[in-house]
C-alpha atoms as a PDB file:
ATOM      1  CA  UNK A   1      -0.164  -0.106  -0.287  1.00  0.00           C
ATOM      2  CA  UNK A   2       1.118   3.346  -1.043  1.00  0.00           C
ATOM      3  CA  UNK A   3       0.565   6.423   1.701  1.00  0.00           C
ATOM      4  CA  UNK A   4       1.161   9.374  -0.187  1.00  0.00           C
ATOM      5  CA  UNK A   5       2.447  13.247   2.530  1.00  0.00           C
ATOM      6  CA  UNK A   6      -1.146  14.369   1.338  1.00  0.00           C
ATOM      7  CA  UNK A   7      -3.241  11.891   3.463  1.00  0.00           C
ATOM      8  CA  UNK A   8      -1.121  11.253   6.465  1.00  0.00           C
ATOM      9  CA  UNK A   9      -3.247  12.011   9.044  1.00  0.00           C
ATOM     10  CA  UNK A  10      -6.117  12.656   7.035  1.00  0.00           C
ATOM     11  CA  UNK A  11      -6.904   8.795   6.154  1.00  0.00           C
ATOM     12  CA  UNK A  12     -10.434   8.394   7.020  1.00  0.00           C
ATOM     13  CA  UNK A  13     -12.626   5.520   8.694  1.00  0.00           C
ATOM     14  CA  UNK A  14     -15.544   4.492   7.112  1.00  0.00           C
ATOM     15  CA  UNK A  15     -18.184   7.635   6.882  1.00  0.00           C
ATOM     16  CA  UNK A  16     -22.000   6.209   6.958  1.00  0.00           C
ATOM     17  CA  UNK A  17     -23.902   7.658   4.088  1.00  0.00           C
ATOM     18  CA  UNK A  18     -27.361   9.107   4.077  1.00  0.00           C
ATOM     19  CA  UNK A  19     -29.350   5.543   2.732  1.00  0.00           C
ATOM     20  CA  UNK A  20     -28.376   3.996   6.034  1.00  0.00           C
ATOM     21  CA  UNK A  21     -29.060   6.081   7.872  1.00  0.00           C
ATOM     22  CA  UNK A  22     -31.954   7.670   7.136  1.00  0.00           C
ATOM     23  CA  UNK A  23     -33.040   5.562   4.127  1.00  0.00           C
ATOM     24  CA  UNK A  24     -32.538   8.072   0.970  1.00  0.00           C
ATOM     25  CA  UNK A  25     -29.758   9.728   0.004  1.00  0.00           C
ATOM     26  CA  UNK A  26     -29.817  13.776   0.009  1.00  0.00           C
ATOM     27  CA  UNK A  27     -30.423  14.422  -3.832  1.00  0.00           C
ATOM     28  CA  UNK A  28     -33.000  11.596  -4.333  1.00  0.00           C
ATOM     29  CA  UNK A  29     -35.874  12.370  -6.562  1.00  0.00           C
ATOM     30  CA  UNK A  30     -39.328  13.013  -4.518  1.00  0.00           C
ATOM     31  CA  UNK A  31     -37.619  12.816  -1.316  1.00  0.00           C
ATOM     32  CA  UNK A  32     -36.667  16.247   0.769  1.00  0.00           C
ATOM     33  CA  UNK A  33     -34.902  15.219   4.259  1.00  0.00           C
ATOM     34  CA  UNK A  34     -36.397  17.087   7.302  1.00  0.00           C
ATOM     35  CA  UNK A  35     -34.443  19.173  10.349  1.00  0.00           C
ATOM     36  CA  UNK A  36     -35.060  16.254  12.566  1.00  0.00           C
ATOM     37  CA  UNK A  37     -33.365  13.727   9.798  1.00  0.00           C
ATOM     38  CA  UNK A  38     -30.050  15.684   9.239  1.00  0.00           C
ATOM     39  CA  UNK A  39     -29.886  16.341  12.437  1.00  0.00           C
ATOM     40  CA  UNK A  40     -29.045  13.263  12.397  1.00  0.00           C
ATOM     41  CA  UNK A  41     -26.811  12.547  10.070  1.00  0.00           C
ATOM     42  CA  UNK A  42     -24.399  15.562  11.580  1.00  0.00           C
ATOM     43  CA  UNK A  43     -24.817  14.197  14.579  1.00  0.00           C
ATOM     44  CA  UNK A  44     -23.802  10.783  13.782  1.00  0.00           C
ATOM     45  CA  UNK A  45     -20.529  11.883  11.150  1.00  0.00           C
ATOM     46  CA  UNK A  46     -19.099  14.004  14.468  1.00  0.00           C
ATOM     47  CA  UNK A  47     -19.025   9.855  15.865  1.00  0.00           C
ATOM     48  CA  UNK A  48     -17.279   9.117  12.906  1.00  0.00           C
ATOM     49  CA  UNK A  49     -15.312  11.958  11.758  1.00  0.00           C
ATOM     50  CA  UNK A  50     -12.179  13.857  13.298  1.00  0.00           C
ATOM     51  CA  UNK A  51     -12.517  16.622  10.444  1.00  0.00           C
ATOM     52  CA  UNK A  52     -15.740  18.147  12.167  1.00  0.00           C
ATOM     53  CA  UNK A  53     -17.208  20.127  15.153  1.00  0.00           C
ATOM     54  CA  UNK A  54     -20.908  20.019  14.908  1.00  0.00           C
ATOM     55  CA  UNK A  55     -22.208  22.917  18.134  1.00  0.00           C
ATOM     56  CA  UNK A  56     -24.952  24.324  19.019  1.00  0.00           C
ATOM     57  CA  UNK A  57     -26.104  28.351  18.364  1.00  0.00           C
ATOM     58  CA  UNK A  58     -29.353  27.862  20.737  1.00  0.00           C
ATOM     59  CA  UNK A  59     -32.361  26.927  20.694  1.00  0.00           C
ATOM     60  CA  UNK A  60     -34.844  27.439  17.923  1.00  0.00           C
ATOM     61  CA  UNK A  61     -39.077  29.367  18.256  1.00  0.00           C
ATOM     62  CA  UNK A  62     -40.019  25.634  18.682  1.00  0.00           C
ATOM     63  CA  UNK A  63     -37.389  24.004  20.954  1.00  0.00           C
ATOM     64  CA  UNK A  64     -34.994  22.437  18.714  1.00  0.00           C
ATOM     65  CA  UNK A  65     -31.202  22.873  18.821  1.00  0.00           C
ATOM     66  CA  UNK A  66     -29.470  24.980  15.886  1.00  0.00           C
ATOM     67  CA  UNK A  67     -26.274  23.372  15.206  1.00  0.00           C
ATOM     68  CA  UNK A  68     -23.860  25.197  12.876  1.00  0.00           C
ATOM     69  CA  UNK A  69     -20.843  22.640  11.324  1.00  0.00           C
ATOM     70  CA  UNK A  70     -17.011  23.656  11.305  1.00  0.00           C
ATOM     71  CA  UNK A  71     -15.278  21.792   8.760  1.00  0.00           C
ATOM     72  CA  UNK A  72     -12.179  21.706   8.588  1.00  0.00           C
ATOM     73  CA  UNK A  73      -8.404  19.625   9.255  1.00  0.00           C
ATOM     74  CA  UNK A  74      -7.887  17.844  12.139  1.00  0.00           C
ATOM     75  CA  UNK A  75      -4.686  19.917  12.857  1.00  0.00           C
ATOM     76  CA  UNK A  76      -6.503  23.582  11.570  1.00  0.00           C
ATOM     77  CA  UNK A  77      -9.959  22.151  14.392  1.00  0.00           C
ATOM     78  CA  UNK A  78      -7.313  21.572  16.950  1.00  0.00           C
ATOM     79  CA  UNK A  79      -6.434  25.315  17.289  1.00  0.00           C
ATOM     80  CA  UNK A  80      -9.538  26.090  16.308  1.00  0.00           C
ATOM     81  CA  UNK A  81      -9.386  28.902  18.773  1.00  0.00           C
ATOM     82  CA  UNK A  82      -6.038  29.814  17.951  1.00  0.00           C
ATOM     83  CA  UNK A  83      -7.877  30.881  14.140  1.00  0.00           C
ATOM     84  CA  UNK A  84     -10.270  32.505  15.580  1.00  0.00           C
ATOM     85  CA  UNK A  85      -8.771  34.514  17.631  1.00  0.00           C
ATOM     86  CA  UNK A  86      -6.922  35.806  14.465  1.00  0.00           C
ATOM     87  CA  UNK A  87      -9.917  36.603  12.596  1.00  0.00           C
ATOM     88  CA  UNK A  88     -11.416  38.269  15.092  1.00  0.00           C
ATOM     89  CA  UNK A  89      -7.670  40.569  14.988  1.00  0.00           C
ATOM     90  CA  UNK A  90      -8.022  41.392  11.790  1.00  0.00           C
ATOM     91  CA  UNK A  91     -11.393  42.206  11.455  1.00  0.00           C
ATOM     92  CA  UNK A  92     -11.140  44.741  14.385  1.00  0.00           C
ATOM     93  CA  UNK A  93      -8.044  45.561  12.188  1.00  0.00           C
ATOM     94  CA  UNK A  94      -6.063  47.613  15.300  1.00  0.00           C
ATOM     95  CA  UNK A  95      -2.654  45.790  14.584  1.00  0.00           C
ATOM     96  CA  UNK A  96      -0.011  46.996  12.028  1.00  0.00           C
ATOM     97  CA  UNK A  97       0.204  46.597   8.558  1.00  0.00           C
ATOM     98  CA  UNK A  98       3.309  44.013  10.075  1.00  0.00           C
ATOM     99  CA  UNK A  99       0.910  42.150  12.447  1.00  0.00           C
ATOM    100  CA  UNK A 100      -1.700  41.953  10.107  1.00  0.00           C
ATOM    101  CA  UNK A 101       0.886  39.992   6.885  1.00  0.00           C
ATOM    102  CA  UNK A 102       1.502  37.978   9.801  1.00  0.00           C
ATOM    103  CA  UNK A 103      -1.778  36.962  10.981  1.00  0.00           C
ATOM    104  CA  UNK A 104      -2.647  36.740   6.823  1.00  0.00           C
ATOM    105  CA  UNK A 105       0.505  34.498   6.080  1.00  0.00           C
ATOM    106  CA  UNK A 106      -0.159  32.675   9.933  1.00  0.00           C
ATOM    107  CA  UNK A 107      -4.084  31.971   9.773  1.00  0.00           C
ATOM    108  CA  UNK A 108      -6.874  30.149   7.295  1.00  0.00           C
ATOM    109  CA  UNK A 109      -9.348  31.504   5.579  1.00  0.00           C
ATOM    110  CA  UNK A 110     -13.276  31.282   7.354  1.00  0.00           C
ATOM    111  CA  UNK A 111     -16.341  30.845   4.881  1.00  0.00           C
ATOM    112  CA  UNK A 112     -19.482  30.652   5.643  1.00  0.00           C
ATOM    113  CA  UNK A 113     -22.491  28.743   3.710  1.00  0.00           C
ATOM    114  CA  UNK A 114     -25.524  28.510   4.827  1.00  0.00           C
ATOM    115  CA  UNK A 115     -28.584  26.743   3.536  1.00  0.00           C
ATOM    116  CA  UNK A 116     -30.928  29.437   2.574  1.00  0.00           C
ATOM    117  CA  UNK A 117     -33.783  31.343   3.938  1.00  0.00           C
ATOM    118  CA  UNK A 118     -36.804  30.748   3.106  1.00  0.00           C
ATOM    119  CA  UNK A 119     -38.190  26.885   4.493  1.00  0.00           C
ATOM    120  CA  UNK A 120     -39.345  26.423   0.544  1.00  0.00           C
ATOM    121  CA  UNK A 121     -35.882  26.338  -0.320  1.00  0.00           C
ATOM    122  CA  UNK A 122     -35.279  23.359   0.999  1.00  0.00           C
ATOM    123  CA  UNK A 123     -32.976  22.014  -2.259  1.00  0.00           C
ATOM    124  CA  UNK A 124     -30.328  24.008  -0.201  1.00  0.00           C
ATOM    125  CA  UNK A 125     -30.492  22.712   3.411  1.00  0.00           C
ATOM    126  CA  UNK A 126     -29.665  19.493   1.593  1.00  0.00           C
ATOM    127  CA  UNK A 127     -26.647  20.573  -0.052  1.00  0.00           C
ATOM    128  CA  UNK A 128     -25.206  21.190   3.259  1.00  0.00           C
ATOM    129  CA  UNK A 129     -25.784  18.771   4.401  1.00  0.00           C
ATOM    130  CA  UNK A 130     -24.539  16.557   1.386  1.00  0.00           C
ATOM    131  CA  UNK A 131     -21.416  19.378   1.586  1.00  0.00           C
ATOM    132  CA  UNK A 132     -20.702  17.853   5.048  1.00  0.00           C
ATOM    133  CA  UNK A 133     -20.957  14.129   3.753  1.00  0.00           C
ATOM    134  CA  UNK A 134     -18.359  15.049   0.901  1.00  0.00           C
ATOM    135  CA  UNK A 135     -15.898  17.161   3.151  1.00  0.00           C
ATOM    136  CA  UNK A 136     -15.667  14.313   5.461  1.00  0.00           C
ATOM    137  CA  UNK A 137     -16.164  11.071   3.735  1.00  0.00           C
ATOM    138  CA  UNK A 138     -13.690  12.239   0.319  1.00  0.00           C
ATOM    139  CA  UNK A 139      -9.957  11.777   0.361  1.00  0.00           C
ATOM    140  CA  UNK A 140      -8.792  13.175  -2.711  1.00  0.00           C
ATOM    141  CA  UNK A 141      -5.834  15.718  -2.915  1.00  0.00           C
ATOM    142  CA  UNK A 142      -8.381  19.468  -3.810  1.00  0.00           C
ATOM    143  CA  UNK A 143     -10.459  17.828  -0.891  1.00  0.00           C
ATOM    144  CA  UNK A 144      -7.509  17.508   1.105  1.00  0.00           C
ATOM    145  CA  UNK A 145      -6.236  20.850   0.250  1.00  0.00           C
ATOM    146  CA  UNK A 146      -9.120  22.603   0.706  1.00  0.00           C
ATOM    147  CA  UNK A 147      -9.150  20.969   4.663  1.00  0.00           C
ATOM    148  CA  UNK A 148      -5.859  21.961   5.565  1.00  0.00           C
ATOM    149  CA  UNK A 149      -6.633  25.620   3.499  1.00  0.00           C
ATOM    150  CA  UNK A 150     -10.107  26.777   5.011  1.00  0.00           C
ATOM    151  CA  UNK A 151     -11.909  26.485   7.889  1.00  0.00           C
ATOM    152  CA  UNK A 152     -15.922  26.061   7.357  1.00  0.00           C
ATOM    153  CA  UNK A 153     -18.591  27.066   9.037  1.00  0.00           C
ATOM    154  CA  UNK A 154     -22.040  24.981   7.593  1.00  0.00           C
ATOM    155  CA  UNK A 155     -25.149  25.838   9.121  1.00  0.00           C
ATOM    156  CA  UNK A 156     -29.033  25.293   8.601  1.00  0.00           C
ATOM    157  CA  UNK A 157     -30.743  29.132   9.386  1.00  0.00           C
ATOM    158  CA  UNK A 158     -34.652  27.373   9.698  1.00  0.00           C
ATOM    159  CA  UNK A 159     -34.776  24.937  11.210  1.00  0.00           C
ATOM    160  CA  UNK A 160     -38.303  25.288  12.168  1.00  0.00           C
ATOM    161  CA  UNK A 161     -39.520  26.157   8.826  1.00  0.00           C
ATOM    162  CA  UNK A 162     -37.393  22.883   6.782  1.00  0.00           C
ATOM    163  CA  UNK A 163     -39.217  20.294   9.360  1.00  0.00           C
ATOM    164  CA  UNK A 164     -42.325  21.515   8.783  1.00  0.00           C
ATOM    165  CA  UNK A 165     -41.827  21.922   5.216  1.00  0.00           C
ATOM    166  CA  UNK A 166     -39.692  18.343   4.589  1.00  0.00           C
ATOM    167  CA  UNK A 167     -42.367  16.822   6.561  1.00  0.00           C
ATOM    168  CA  UNK A 168     -45.763  18.204   4.867  1.00  0.00           C
ATOM    169  CA  UNK A 169     -43.533  17.382   1.398  1.00  0.00           C
ATOM    170  CA  UNK A 170     -43.062  13.711   2.178  1.00  0.00           C
ATOM    171  CA  UNK A 171     -46.239  12.952   4.027  1.00  0.00           C
ATOM    172  CA  UNK A 172     -47.874  11.325   0.949  1.00  0.00           C
ATOM    173  CA  UNK A 173     -46.449   6.924   1.116  1.00  0.00           C
ATOM    174  CA  UNK A 174     -46.354   7.526  -2.895  1.00  0.00           C
ATOM    175  CA  UNK A 175     -43.502   9.102  -3.695  1.00  0.00           C
ATOM    176  CA  UNK A 176     -45.119  10.825  -7.351  1.00  0.00           C
ATOM    177  CA  UNK A 177     -48.123  12.809  -5.729  1.00  0.00           C
ATOM    178  CA  UNK A 178     -45.835  14.302  -3.075  1.00  0.00           C
ATOM    179  CA  UNK A 179     -46.073  18.245  -3.792  1.00  0.00           C
ATOM    180  CA  UNK A 180     -45.487  21.480  -1.116  1.00  0.00           C
ATOM    181  CA  UNK A 181     -48.746  23.061  -2.632  1.00  0.00           C
ATOM    182  CA  UNK A 182     -50.927  23.887  -0.319  1.00  0.00           C
ATOM    183  CA  UNK A 183     -48.377  24.312   2.750  1.00  0.00           C
ATOM    184  CA  UNK A 184     -50.699  23.234   6.009  1.00  0.00           C
ATOM    185  CA  UNK A 185     -49.984  26.364   7.756  1.00  0.00           C
ATOM    186  CA  UNK A 186     -47.605  29.559   7.500  1.00  0.00           C
ATOM    187  CA  UNK A 187     -43.855  28.781   8.592  1.00  0.00           C
ATOM    188  CA  UNK A 188     -42.746  31.282  11.273  1.00  0.00           C
ATOM    189  CA  UNK A 189     -45.278  32.019  13.995  1.00  0.00           C
ATOM    190  CA  UNK A 190     -45.473  35.219  14.897  1.00  0.00           C
ATOM    191  CA  UNK A 191     -45.386  37.132  11.440  1.00  0.00           C
ATOM    192  CA  UNK A 192     -46.404  34.106   8.784  1.00  0.00           C
ATOM    193  CA  UNK A 193     -42.656  34.228   6.730  1.00  0.00           C
ATOM    194  CA  UNK A 194     -39.470  33.857   7.819  1.00  0.00           C
ATOM    195  CA  UNK A 195     -37.224  36.885   6.796  1.00  0.00           C
END
C-alpha cells in the first residue's frame, strides 16, 4: 500500500452514508430530509470524523437545537480557538500592517455557507448536509487541500421551517404524489413568513 504525504493524518474511517442512516440519499428524486433527519446525519458523522465539529448556536422558537457544523482538517480543528482569535484581530483592524501580514500568513480562510433563509428553499438545506458528507468522507487531493486551507462554517438558518416543509412534502407514501402545494400553515409563528 502506498501512502502519500497528502493523505497522512487525513485518512478517514468509513463514514456512514445518508441512505444507511435515513433511508435515502440526499438529492434523491421525491425525497426531502427534515431538519430532524439532517441533525441525525450530522450527529452521526460528528462521531465518525475528526474533520468536523458540531456546535449548538442556540434553540429555535419551536425548541429545536440549531447546529453549526465546522469543517476543517484535524490539525486546524485542534487550533480552532487560535484561528478564531486571528480572524477577530484582522476583522477589528486594530493591528499594524506587519501584524496583519503575519496573521494573514498564519491564519486560515474562514468560509460561511448556509442553507438559505426560507423554509421552502429545501434544496439548500439538502446541499449543506451533502457538502458536510463530502468533506468528511472524501480523500482526494483537492478536498484535503481545502480542509487544510480553510475553516468552513455550515449552518441551516431555518430549522423550524425546514421541519414543517419537509414533513409536509414527505407525508404522502406515494413519491409521485408529493407536493409543496397547500402547506398546512404559515411557517413562522409570529409574522407568517420566515425572514
